[in-house]
Amino acid sequence: MWSFVHSKKQQRWLWHAIDHDSGVVLAYVLAEHQDEAFIRLKALL
């Protein structure tokens, strides 16, 4: 899922981890669409 703030040059992606069985959101990060965002999300788990 993505959005932008004031201009498309400032795009942000919602990275989220969801428990498959319960549907509960385990963690989320709002960041640019880069590998560092995934690493931040993984660190929260």
Protein backbone atom coordinates (compact mmCIF):
# COMPACT_ATOMS: atom_id res chain seq x y z
CA MET A 1 0.00 0.00 0.00
CA TRP A 2 1.42 3.42 -0.83
CA SER A 3 0.58 7.10 -0.58
CA PHE A 4 2.26 10.44 -1.12
CA VAL A 5 2.47 13.67 0.86
CA HIS A 6 1.95 16.87 -1.16
CA SER A 7 3.73 15.47 -4.22
CA LYS A 8 4.48 12.13 -5.82
CA LYS A 9 8.18 12.74 -5.16
CA GLN A 10 7.47 12.05 -1.48
CA GLN A 11 5.95 8.59 -1.83
CA ARG A 12 5.66 6.45 1.29
CA TRP A 13 4.82 2.77 1.53
CA LEU A 14 3.08 0.99 4.37
CA TRP A 15 5.03 -2.19 5.10
CA HIS A 16 3.14 -4.53 7.41
CA ALA A 17 3.43 -8.04 8.82
CA ILE A 18 0.16 -9.87 9.43
CA ASP A 19 -0.34 -13.13 11.32
CA HIS A 20 -1.79 -15.52 8.74
CA ASP A 21 -3.99 -17.42 11.20
CA SER A 22 -5.47 -14.59 13.28
CA GLY A 23 -5.23 -11.66 10.86
CA VAL A 24 -3.59 -9.51 13.55
CA VAL A 25 -1.10 -6.86 12.40
CA LEU A 26 2.17 -7.77 14.12
CA ALA A 27 4.22 -4.73 13.06
CA TYR A 28 4.24 -1.95 10.49
CA VAL A 29 6.61 0.65 9.06
CA LEU A 30 5.74 3.71 6.99
CA ALA A 31 8.78 4.36 4.80
CA GLU A 32 10.16 4.66 1.30
CA HIS A 33 10.06 1.66 -1.03
CA GLN A 34 13.58 0.44 -0.30
CA ASP A 35 15.28 -2.56 1.30
CA GLU A 36 15.99 -0.58 4.49
CA ALA A 37 12.24 -0.41 5.19
CA PHE A 38 12.01 -4.21 5.12
CA ILE A 39 14.99 -4.48 7.44
CA ARG A 40 13.30 -2.07 9.90
CA LEU A 41 10.08 -4.11 9.75
CA LYS A 42 11.96 -7.36 10.29
CA ALA A 43 13.71 -5.88 13.35
CA LEU A 44 10.31 -5.14 14.92
CA LEU A 45 9.28 -8.79 14.74
